[in-house]
Amino acid sequence: ADYTPDVPSSRASDDQTLNTQGVQILDLCKSTGLRVCNGRYNN
């Protein structure tokens, strides 16, 4: 009952490439609830 679904949040990036270690970063974010601040915060 206390589960809170992830909310979509846009993020800008000059880098459009995804690599294997990048997939691990994304998986880390999804499993812990952390988000990439780059391209999302401030400007």
All heavy atoms as atom14 arrays in JSON, in Angstrom:
{
  "sequence": "ADYTPDVPSSRASDDQTLNTQGVQILDLCKSTGLRVCNGRYNN",
  "atom14_mask": [
    [1, 1, 1, 1, 1, 0, 0, 0, 0, 0, 0, 0, 0, 0],
    [1, 1, 1, 1, 1, 1, 1, 1, 0, 0, 0, 0, 0, 0],
    [1, 1, 1, 1, 1, 1, 1, 1, 1, 1, 1, 1, 0, 0],
    [1, 1, 1, 1, 1, 1, 1, 0, 0, 0, 0, 0, 0, 0],
    [1, 1, 1, 1, 1, 1, 1, 0, 0, 0, 0, 0, 0, 0],
    [1, 1, 1, 1, 1, 1, 1, 1, 0, 0, 0, 0, 0, 0],
    [1, 1, 1, 1, 1, 1, 1, 0, 0, 0, 0, 0, 0, 0],
    [1, 1, 1, 1, 1, 1, 1, 0, 0, 0, 0, 0, 0, 0],
    [1, 1, 1, 1, 1, 1, 0, 0, 0, 0, 0, 0, 0, 0],
    [1, 1, 1, 1, 1, 1, 0, 0, 0, 0, 0, 0, 0, 0],
    [1, 1, 1, 1, 1, 1, 1, 1, 1, 1, 1, 0, 0, 0],
    [1, 1, 1, 1, 1, 0, 0, 0, 0, 0, 0, 0, 0, 0],
    [1, 1, 1, 1, 1, 1, 0, 0, 0, 0, 0, 0, 0, 0],
    [1, 1, 1, 1, 1, 1, 1, 1, 0, 0, 0, 0, 0, 0],
    [1, 1, 1, 1, 1, 1, 1, 1, 0, 0, 0, 0, 0, 0],
    [1, 1, 1, 1, 1, 1, 1, 1, 1, 0, 0, 0, 0, 0],
    [1, 1, 1, 1, 1, 1, 1, 0, 0, 0, 0, 0, 0, 0],
    [1, 1, 1, 1, 1, 1, 1, 1, 0, 0, 0, 0, 0, 0],
    [1, 1, 1, 1, 1, 1, 1, 1, 0, 0, 0, 0, 0, 0],
    [1, 1, 1, 1, 1, 1, 1, 0, 0, 0, 0, 0, 0, 0],
    [1, 1, 1, 1, 1, 1, 1, 1, 1, 0, 0, 0, 0, 0],
    [1, 1, 1, 1, 0, 0, 0, 0, 0, 0, 0, 0, 0, 0],
    [1, 1, 1, 1, 1, 1, 1, 0, 0, 0, 0, 0, 0, 0],
    [1, 1, 1, 1, 1, 1, 1, 1, 1, 0, 0, 0, 0, 0],
    [1, 1, 1, 1, 1, 1, 1, 1, 0, 0, 0, 0, 0, 0],
    [1, 1, 1, 1, 1, 1, 1, 1, 0, 0, 0, 0, 0, 0],
    [1, 1, 1, 1, 1, 1, 1, 1, 0, 0, 0, 0, 0, 0],
    [1, 1, 1, 1, 1, 1, 1, 1, 0, 0, 0, 0, 0, 0],
    [1, 1, 1, 1, 1, 1, 0, 0, 0, 0, 0, 0, 0, 0],
    [1, 1, 1, 1, 1, 1, 1, 1, 1, 0, 0, 0, 0, 0],
    [1, 1, 1, 1, 1, 1, 0, 0, 0, 0, 0, 0, 0, 0],
    [1, 1, 1, 1, 1, 1, 1, 0, 0, 0, 0, 0, 0, 0],
    [1, 1, 1, 1, 0, 0, 0, 0, 0, 0, 0, 0, 0, 0],
    [1, 1, 1, 1, 1, 1, 1, 1, 0, 0, 0, 0, 0, 0],
    [1, 1, 1, 1, 1, 1, 1, 1, 1, 1, 1, 0, 0, 0],
    [1, 1, 1, 1, 1, 1, 1, 0, 0, 0, 0, 0, 0, 0],
    [1, 1, 1, 1, 1, 1, 0, 0, 0, 0, 0, 0, 0, 0],
    [1, 1, 1, 1, 1, 1, 1, 1, 0, 0, 0, 0, 0, 0],
    [1, 1, 1, 1, 0, 0, 0, 0, 0, 0, 0, 0, 0, 0],
    [1, 1, 1, 1, 1, 1, 1, 1, 1, 1, 1, 0, 0, 0],
    [1, 1, 1, 1, 1, 1, 1, 1, 1, 1, 1, 1, 0, 0],
    [1, 1, 1, 1, 1, 1, 1, 1, 0, 0, 0, 0, 0, 0],
    [1, 1, 1, 1, 1, 1, 1, 1, 0, 0, 0, 0, 0, 0]
  ],
  "atom14_positions": [
    [[0.81, -1.21, 0.0], [0.0, 0.0, 0.0], [0.85, 1.27, 0.0], [0.42, 2.31, -0.49], [-0.92, 0.0, 1.21], [0.0, 0.0, 0.0], [0.0, 0.0, 0.0], [0.0, 0.0, 0.0], [0.0, 0.0, 0.0], [0.0, 0.0, 0.0], [0.0, 0.0, 0.0], [0.0, 0.0, 0.0], [0.0, 0.0, 0.0], [0.0, 0.0, 0.0]],
    [[2.08, 1.18, 0.53], [2.93, 2.37, 0.6], [3.86, 2.51, -0.61], [4.73, 3.37, -0.63], [3.75, 2.38, 1.89], [4.68, 1.18, 2.02], [4.53, 0.23, 1.22], [5.55, 1.2, 2.9], [0.0, 0.0, 0.0], [0.0, 0.0, 0.0], [0.0, 0.0, 0.0], [0.0, 0.0, 0.0], [0.0, 0.0, 0.0], [0.0, 0.0, 0.0]],
    [[3.67, 1.67, -1.64], [4.51, 1.76, -2.83], [4.19, 3.03, -3.62], [3.03, 3.33, -3.89], [4.3, 0.54, -3.74], [5.13, 0.59, -5.01], [6.49, 0.38, -4.97], [4.54, 0.88, -6.24], [7.26, 0.46, -6.12], [5.29, 0.95, -7.4], [6.65, 0.73, -7.33], [7.41, 0.8, -8.47], [0.0, 0.0, 0.0], [0.0, 0.0, 0.0]],
    [[5.23, 3.78, -3.96], [5.06, 5.01, -4.74], [5.67, 4.8, -6.12], [6.89, 4.62, -6.24], [5.75, 6.21, -4.05], [5.23, 6.34, -2.73], [5.53, 7.48, -4.83], [0.0, 0.0, 0.0], [0.0, 0.0, 0.0], [0.0, 0.0, 0.0], [0.0, 0.0, 0.0], [0.0, 0.0, 0.0], [0.0, 0.0, 0.0], [0.0, 0.0, 0.0]],
    [[4.86, 4.8, -7.17], [5.39, 4.58, -8.53], [6.32, 5.71, -8.96], [6.19, 6.85, -8.52], [4.13, 4.56, -9.41], [2.99, 4.36, -8.47], [3.41, 4.95, -7.16], [0.0, 0.0, 0.0], [0.0, 0.0, 0.0], [0.0, 0.0, 0.0], [0.0, 0.0, 0.0], [0.0, 0.0, 0.0], [0.0, 0.0, 0.0], [0.0, 0.0, 0.0]],
    [[7.28, 5.38, -9.83], [8.17, 6.39, -10.4], [7.38, 7.34, -11.27], [6.45, 6.94, -11.98], [9.26, 5.72, -11.26], [10.37, 5.11, -10.41], [10.37, 5.32, -9.18], [11.24, 4.45, -10.99], [0.0, 0.0, 0.0], [0.0, 0.0, 0.0], [0.0, 0.0, 0.0], [0.0, 0.0, 0.0], [0.0, 0.0, 0.0], [0.0, 0.0, 0.0]],
    [[7.75, 8.6, -11.21], [7.11, 9.64, -12.02], [8.07, 10.02, -13.14], [9.24, 10.31, -12.89], [6.8, 10.88, -11.15], [6.22, 11.99, -12.01], [5.86, 10.51, -10.01], [0.0, 0.0, 0.0], [0.0, 0.0, 0.0], [0.0, 0.0, 0.0], [0.0, 0.0, 0.0], [0.0, 0.0, 0.0], [0.0, 0.0, 0.0], [0.0, 0.0, 0.0]],
    [[7.61, 10.01, -14.4], [8.48, 10.41, -15.51], [9.02, 11.82, -15.32], [8.32, 12.71, -14.82], [7.56, 10.34, -16.74], [6.48, 9.39, -16.34], [6.28, 9.59, -14.86], [0.0, 0.0, 0.0], [0.0, 0.0, 0.0], [0.0, 0.0, 0.0], [0.0, 0.0, 0.0], [0.0, 0.0, 0.0], [0.0, 0.0, 0.0], [0.0, 0.0, 0.0]],
    [[10.28, 12.0, -15.67], [10.94, 13.29, -15.51], [11.95, 13.46, -16.64], [12.85, 12.64, -16.8], [11.64, 13.33, -14.14], [12.41, 14.48, -14.0], [0.0, 0.0, 0.0], [0.0, 0.0, 0.0], [0.0, 0.0, 0.0], [0.0, 0.0, 0.0], [0.0, 0.0, 0.0], [0.0, 0.0, 0.0], [0.0, 0.0, 0.0], [0.0, 0.0, 0.0]],
    [[11.8, 14.51, -17.43], [12.66, 14.7, -18.59], [14.06, 15.13, -18.16], [14.25, 15.73, -17.11], [12.07, 15.74, -19.55], [11.98, 16.98, -18.9], [0.0, 0.0, 0.0], [0.0, 0.0, 0.0], [0.0, 0.0, 0.0], [0.0, 0.0, 0.0], [0.0, 0.0, 0.0], [0.0, 0.0, 0.0], [0.0, 0.0, 0.0], [0.0, 0.0, 0.0]],
    [[15.04, 14.8, -19.01], [16.43, 15.12, -18.72], [17.15, 15.4, -20.04], [17.04, 14.63, -20.99], [17.1, 13.94, -18.0], [18.58, 14.12, -17.71], [19.11, 12.97, -16.87], [18.77, 11.66, -17.4], [19.45, 11.04, -18.36], [20.51, 11.59, -18.9], [19.08, 9.85, -18.77], [0.0, 0.0, 0.0], [0.0, 0.0, 0.0], [0.0, 0.0, 0.0]],
    [[17.86, 16.5, -20.1], [18.63, 16.86, -21.3], [20.03, 16.26, -21.22], [20.55, 16.03, -20.13], [18.73, 18.38, -21.42], [0.0, 0.0, 0.0], [0.0, 0.0, 0.0], [0.0, 0.0, 0.0], [0.0, 0.0, 0.0], [0.0, 0.0, 0.0], [0.0, 0.0, 0.0], [0.0, 0.0, 0.0], [0.0, 0.0, 0.0], [0.0, 0.0, 0.0]],
    [[20.61, 15.99, -22.37], [22.0, 15.54, -22.41], [22.58, 15.76, -23.8], [21.93, 15.49, -24.81], [22.11, 14.05, -22.06], [23.46, 13.64, -22.1], [0.0, 0.0, 0.0], [0.0, 0.0, 0.0], [0.0, 0.0, 0.0], [0.0, 0.0, 0.0], [0.0, 0.0, 0.0], [0.0, 0.0, 0.0], [0.0, 0.0, 0.0], [0.0, 0.0, 0.0]],
    [[23.8, 16.28, -23.83], [24.5, 16.42, -25.11], [25.0, 15.07, -25.63], [25.35, 14.94, -26.79], [25.7, 17.37, -24.95], [25.27, 18.82, -24.76], [24.09, 19.13, -25.02], [26.12, 19.63, -24.33], [0.0, 0.0, 0.0], [0.0, 0.0, 0.0], [0.0, 0.0, 0.0], [0.0, 0.0, 0.0], [0.0, 0.0, 0.0], [0.0, 0.0, 0.0]],
    [[25.04, 14.06, -24.75], [25.52, 12.73, -25.1], [24.31, 11.82, -25.33], [23.5, 11.6, -24.43], [26.38, 12.19, -23.96], [27.11, 10.91, -24.32], [26.82, 10.31, -25.37], [27.98, 10.5, -23.53], [0.0, 0.0, 0.0], [0.0, 0.0, 0.0], [0.0, 0.0, 0.0], [0.0, 0.0, 0.0], [0.0, 0.0, 0.0], [0.0, 0.0, 0.0]],
    [[24.18, 11.28, -26.53], [23.04, 10.41, -26.86], [23.39, 8.93, -26.8], [22.55, 8.08, -27.08], [22.51, 10.76, -28.25], [22.0, 12.19, -28.34], [21.39, 12.5, -29.69], [20.68, 11.68, -30.26], [21.68, 13.68, -30.21], [0.0, 0.0, 0.0], [0.0, 0.0, 0.0], [0.0, 0.0, 0.0], [0.0, 0.0, 0.0], [0.0, 0.0, 0.0]],
    [[24.64, 8.61, -26.43], [25.1, 7.22, -26.45], [24.82, 6.52, -25.13], [24.97, 7.1, -24.06], [26.62, 7.17, -26.74], [26.86, 7.78, -28.0], [27.14, 5.75, -26.76], [0.0, 0.0, 0.0], [0.0, 0.0, 0.0], [0.0, 0.0, 0.0], [0.0, 0.0, 0.0], [0.0, 0.0, 0.0], [0.0, 0.0, 0.0], [0.0, 0.0, 0.0]],
    [[24.41, 5.27, -25.21], [24.23, 4.4, -24.05], [25.21, 3.25, -24.18], [25.29, 2.62, -25.24], [22.79, 3.87, -24.01], [22.47, 2.83, -22.92], [22.52, 3.47, -21.54], [21.11, 2.2, -23.18], [0.0, 0.0, 0.0], [0.0, 0.0, 0.0], [0.0, 0.0, 0.0], [0.0, 0.0, 0.0], [0.0, 0.0, 0.0], [0.0, 0.0, 0.0]],
    [[25.98, 2.99, -23.11], [26.89, 1.83, -23.14], [26.57, 0.9, -21.97], [25.68, 1.17, -21.16], [28.36, 2.26, -23.17], [28.8, 2.99, -21.91], [28.11, 3.01, -20.9], [29.98, 3.59, -21.96], [0.0, 0.0, 0.0], [0.0, 0.0, 0.0], [0.0, 0.0, 0.0], [0.0, 0.0, 0.0], [0.0, 0.0, 0.0], [0.0, 0.0, 0.0]],
    [[27.32, -0.21, -21.89], [27.03, -1.24, -20.89], [27.11, -0.7, -19.47], [26.24, -0.96, -18.64], [28.01, -2.42, -21.05], [27.91, -2.91, -22.39], [27.7, -3.53, -20.07], [0.0, 0.0, 0.0], [0.0, 0.0, 0.0], [0.0, 0.0, 0.0], [0.0, 0.0, 0.0], [0.0, 0.0, 0.0], [0.0, 0.0, 0.0], [0.0, 0.0, 0.0]],
    [[28.13, 0.08, -19.19], [28.26, 0.62, -17.85], [27.17, 1.67, -17.59], [26.72, 1.84, -16.46], [29.67, 1.21, -17.64], [30.1, 1.19, -16.2], [31.56, 0.85, -16.0], [32.06, -0.11, -16.56], [32.25, 1.62, -15.19], [0.0, 0.0, 0.0], [0.0, 0.0, 0.0], [0.0, 0.0, 0.0], [0.0, 0.0, 0.0], [0.0, 0.0, 0.0]],
    [[26.73, 2.35, -18.65], [25.61, 3.27, -18.51], [24.33, 2.56, -18.13], [23.53, 3.08, -17.33], [0.0, 0.0, 0.0], [0.0, 0.0, 0.0], [0.0, 0.0, 0.0], [0.0, 0.0, 0.0], [0.0, 0.0, 0.0], [0.0, 0.0, 0.0], [0.0, 0.0, 0.0], [0.0, 0.0, 0.0], [0.0, 0.0, 0.0], [0.0, 0.0, 0.0]],
    [[24.11, 1.37, -18.67], [22.94, 0.57, -18.29], [22.98, 0.26, -16.8], [21.95, 0.3, -16.11], [22.87, -0.73, -19.13], [21.8, -1.67, -18.59], [22.62, -0.41, -20.6], [0.0, 0.0, 0.0], [0.0, 0.0, 0.0], [0.0, 0.0, 0.0], [0.0, 0.0, 0.0], [0.0, 0.0, 0.0], [0.0, 0.0, 0.0], [0.0, 0.0, 0.0]],
    [[24.18, -0.01, -16.28], [24.31, -0.29, -14.84], [23.97, 0.95, -14.01], [23.38, 0.83, -12.93], [25.73, -0.78, -14.53], [26.01, -2.17, -15.08], [27.39, -2.64, -14.71], [28.39, -2.17, -15.24], [27.45, -3.57, -13.77], [0.0, 0.0, 0.0], [0.0, 0.0, 0.0], [0.0, 0.0, 0.0], [0.0, 0.0, 0.0], [0.0, 0.0, 0.0]],
    [[24.34, 2.14, -14.49], [23.98, 3.37, -13.79], [22.47, 3.54, -13.76], [21.87, 3.85, -12.72], [24.65, 4.59, -14.44], [26.18, 4.51, -14.32], [24.14, 5.9, -13.82], [26.93, 5.52, -15.16], [0.0, 0.0, 0.0], [0.0, 0.0, 0.0], [0.0, 0.0, 0.0], [0.0, 0.0, 0.0], [0.0, 0.0, 0.0], [0.0, 0.0, 0.0]],
    [[21.83, 3.32, -14.91], [20.37, 3.45, -14.99], [19.68, 2.42, -14.09], [18.7, 2.73, -13.41], [19.9, 3.3, -16.44], [20.37, 4.39, -17.4], [19.98, 4.03, -18.83], [19.83, 5.75, -17.01], [0.0, 0.0, 0.0], [0.0, 0.0, 0.0], [0.0, 0.0, 0.0], [0.0, 0.0, 0.0], [0.0, 0.0, 0.0], [0.0, 0.0, 0.0]],
    [[20.19, 1.2, -14.07], [19.62, 0.17, -13.19], [19.79, 0.56, -11.72], [18.89, 0.33, -10.9], [20.28, -1.19, -13.45], [19.85, -1.82, -14.77], [18.85, -1.35, -15.36], [20.52, -2.77, -15.23], [0.0, 0.0, 0.0], [0.0, 0.0, 0.0], [0.0, 0.0, 0.0], [0.0, 0.0, 0.0], [0.0, 0.0, 0.0], [0.0, 0.0, 0.0]],
    [[20.95, 1.14, -11.39], [21.19, 1.61, -10.02], [20.16, 2.66, -9.64], [19.59, 2.62, -8.55], [22.61, 2.18, -9.92], [22.99, 2.81, -8.58], [23.2, 1.74, -7.52], [24.25, 3.67, -8.72], [0.0, 0.0, 0.0], [0.0, 0.0, 0.0], [0.0, 0.0, 0.0], [0.0, 0.0, 0.0], [0.0, 0.0, 0.0], [0.0, 0.0, 0.0]],
    [[19.91, 3.6, -10.54], [18.93, 4.65, -10.27], [17.53, 4.06, -10.08], [16.8, 4.45, -9.16], [18.92, 5.67, -11.41], [20.39, 6.72, -11.48], [0.0, 0.0, 0.0], [0.0, 0.0, 0.0], [0.0, 0.0, 0.0], [0.0, 0.0, 0.0], [0.0, 0.0, 0.0], [0.0, 0.0, 0.0], [0.0, 0.0, 0.0], [0.0, 0.0, 0.0]],
    [[17.16, 3.13, -10.94], [15.82, 2.54, -10.86], [15.64, 1.74, -9.57], [14.55, 1.73, -8.99], [15.57, 1.65, -12.07], [15.44, 2.44, -13.37], [15.39, 1.53, -14.58], [15.4, 2.33, -15.88], [15.44, 1.47, -17.07], [0.0, 0.0, 0.0], [0.0, 0.0, 0.0], [0.0, 0.0, 0.0], [0.0, 0.0, 0.0], [0.0, 0.0, 0.0]],
    [[16.69, 1.07, -9.12], [16.55, 0.24, -7.93], [16.65, 1.02, -6.63], [16.16, 0.57, -5.59], [17.6, -0.88, -7.94], [18.9, -0.34, -7.83], [0.0, 0.0, 0.0], [0.0, 0.0, 0.0], [0.0, 0.0, 0.0], [0.0, 0.0, 0.0], [0.0, 0.0, 0.0], [0.0, 0.0, 0.0], [0.0, 0.0, 0.0], [0.0, 0.0, 0.0]],
    [[17.27, 2.22, -6.66], [17.47, 2.98, -5.42], [16.63, 4.25, -5.35], [16.54, 4.86, -4.28], [18.95, 3.4, -5.28], [19.31, 4.24, -6.38], [19.86, 2.19, -5.22], [0.0, 0.0, 0.0], [0.0, 0.0, 0.0], [0.0, 0.0, 0.0], [0.0, 0.0, 0.0], [0.0, 0.0, 0.0], [0.0, 0.0, 0.0], [0.0, 0.0, 0.0]],
    [[16.04, 4.67, -6.47], [15.26, 5.9, -6.48], [16.1, 7.15, -6.7], [15.57, 8.26, -6.68], [0.0, 0.0, 0.0], [0.0, 0.0, 0.0], [0.0, 0.0, 0.0], [0.0, 0.0, 0.0], [0.0, 0.0, 0.0], [0.0, 0.0, 0.0], [0.0, 0.0, 0.0], [0.0, 0.0, 0.0], [0.0, 0.0, 0.0], [0.0, 0.0, 0.0]],
    [[17.42, 7.0, -6.91], [18.24, 8.16, -7.21], [18.02, 8.58, -8.65], [17.63, 7.77, -9.49], [19.73, 7.84, -6.98], [20.29, 8.17, -5.59], [19.55, 7.44, -4.49], [21.77, 7.85, -5.53], [0.0, 0.0, 0.0], [0.0, 0.0, 0.0], [0.0, 0.0, 0.0], [0.0, 0.0, 0.0], [0.0, 0.0, 0.0], [0.0, 0.0, 0.0]],
    [[18.27, 9.85, -8.94], [18.11, 10.39, -10.29], [19.36, 11.15, -10.7], [20.07, 11.71, -9.85], [16.9, 11.35, -10.35], [15.58, 10.68, -10.02], [15.14, 9.72, -11.1], [13.95, 8.98, -10.72], [13.96, 7.72, -10.3], [15.09, 7.05, -10.21], [12.83, 7.11, -9.98], [0.0, 0.0, 0.0], [0.0, 0.0, 0.0], [0.0, 0.0, 0.0]],
    [[19.62, 11.17, -11.99], [20.75, 11.91, -12.54], [20.39, 13.39, -12.5], [19.38, 13.81, -13.07], [21.03, 11.46, -14.0], [22.12, 12.32, -14.62], [21.42, 9.98, -14.04], [0.0, 0.0, 0.0], [0.0, 0.0, 0.0], [0.0, 0.0, 0.0], [0.0, 0.0, 0.0], [0.0, 0.0, 0.0], [0.0, 0.0, 0.0], [0.0, 0.0, 0.0]],
    [[21.21, 14.19, -11.84], [20.98, 15.64, -11.79], [21.41, 16.31, -13.09], [20.82, 17.32, -13.49], [21.74, 16.26, -10.62], [21.1, 15.78, -9.01], [0.0, 0.0, 0.0], [0.0, 0.0, 0.0], [0.0, 0.0, 0.0], [0.0, 0.0, 0.0], [0.0, 0.0, 0.0], [0.0, 0.0, 0.0], [0.0, 0.0, 0.0], [0.0, 0.0, 0.0]],
    [[22.44, 15.77, -13.75], [22.91, 16.36, -15.0], [21.75, 16.49, -15.98], [21.02, 15.54, -16.23], [23.97, 15.47, -15.66], [25.13, 15.12, -14.76], [24.94, 14.71, -13.63], [26.33, 15.26, -15.28], [0.0, 0.0, 0.0], [0.0, 0.0, 0.0], [0.0, 0.0, 0.0], [0.0, 0.0, 0.0], [0.0, 0.0, 0.0], [0.0, 0.0, 0.0]],
    [[21.57, 17.68, -16.54], [20.54, 17.9, -17.54], [19.15, 18.04, -16.98], [18.17, 18.18, -17.71], [0.0, 0.0, 0.0], [0.0, 0.0, 0.0], [0.0, 0.0, 0.0], [0.0, 0.0, 0.0], [0.0, 0.0, 0.0], [0.0, 0.0, 0.0], [0.0, 0.0, 0.0], [0.0, 0.0, 0.0], [0.0, 0.0, 0.0], [0.0, 0.0, 0.0]],
    [[19.03, 18.02, -15.69], [17.71, 18.07, -15.07], [17.6, 19.2, -14.06], [16.53, 19.74, -13.85], [17.45, 16.73, -14.36], [16.04, 16.51, -13.91], [15.87, 15.14, -13.31], [15.39, 14.2, -14.3], [15.78, 12.94, -14.39], [16.7, 12.47, -13.59], [15.28, 12.14, -15.3], [0.0, 0.0, 0.0], [0.0, 0.0, 0.0], [0.0, 0.0, 0.0]],
    [[18.7, 19.56, -13.47], [18.68, 20.55, -12.4], [19.23, 21.89, -12.87], [20.25, 21.95, -13.55], [19.49, 20.06, -11.19], [19.56, 21.06, -10.07], [18.53, 21.15, -9.16], [20.62, 21.94, -9.97], [18.56, 22.1, -8.15], [20.67, 22.88, -8.97], [19.63, 22.95, -8.05], [19.68, 23.89, -7.06], [0.0, 0.0, 0.0], [0.0, 0.0, 0.0]],
    [[18.57, 22.95, -12.52], [19.05, 24.33, -12.63], [18.98, 24.91, -14.04], [18.22, 25.81, -14.3], [20.48, 24.43, -12.08], [20.88, 25.86, -11.8], [20.03, 26.73, -11.7], [22.16, 26.1, -11.68], [0.0, 0.0, 0.0], [0.0, 0.0, 0.0], [0.0, 0.0, 0.0], [0.0, 0.0, 0.0], [0.0, 0.0, 0.0], [0.0, 0.0, 0.0]],
    [[19.78, 24.42, -14.98], [19.74, 24.99, -16.34], [20.19, 23.95, -17.34], [20.74, 22.92, -17.0], [20.6, 26.26, -16.43], [22.05, 25.99, -16.11], [22.68, 25.17, -16.76], [22.6, 26.67, -15.12], [0.0, 0.0, 0.0], [0.0, 0.0, 0.0], [0.0, 0.0, 0.0], [0.0, 0.0, 0.0], [0.0, 0.0, 0.0], [0.0, 0.0, 0.0]]
  ]
}
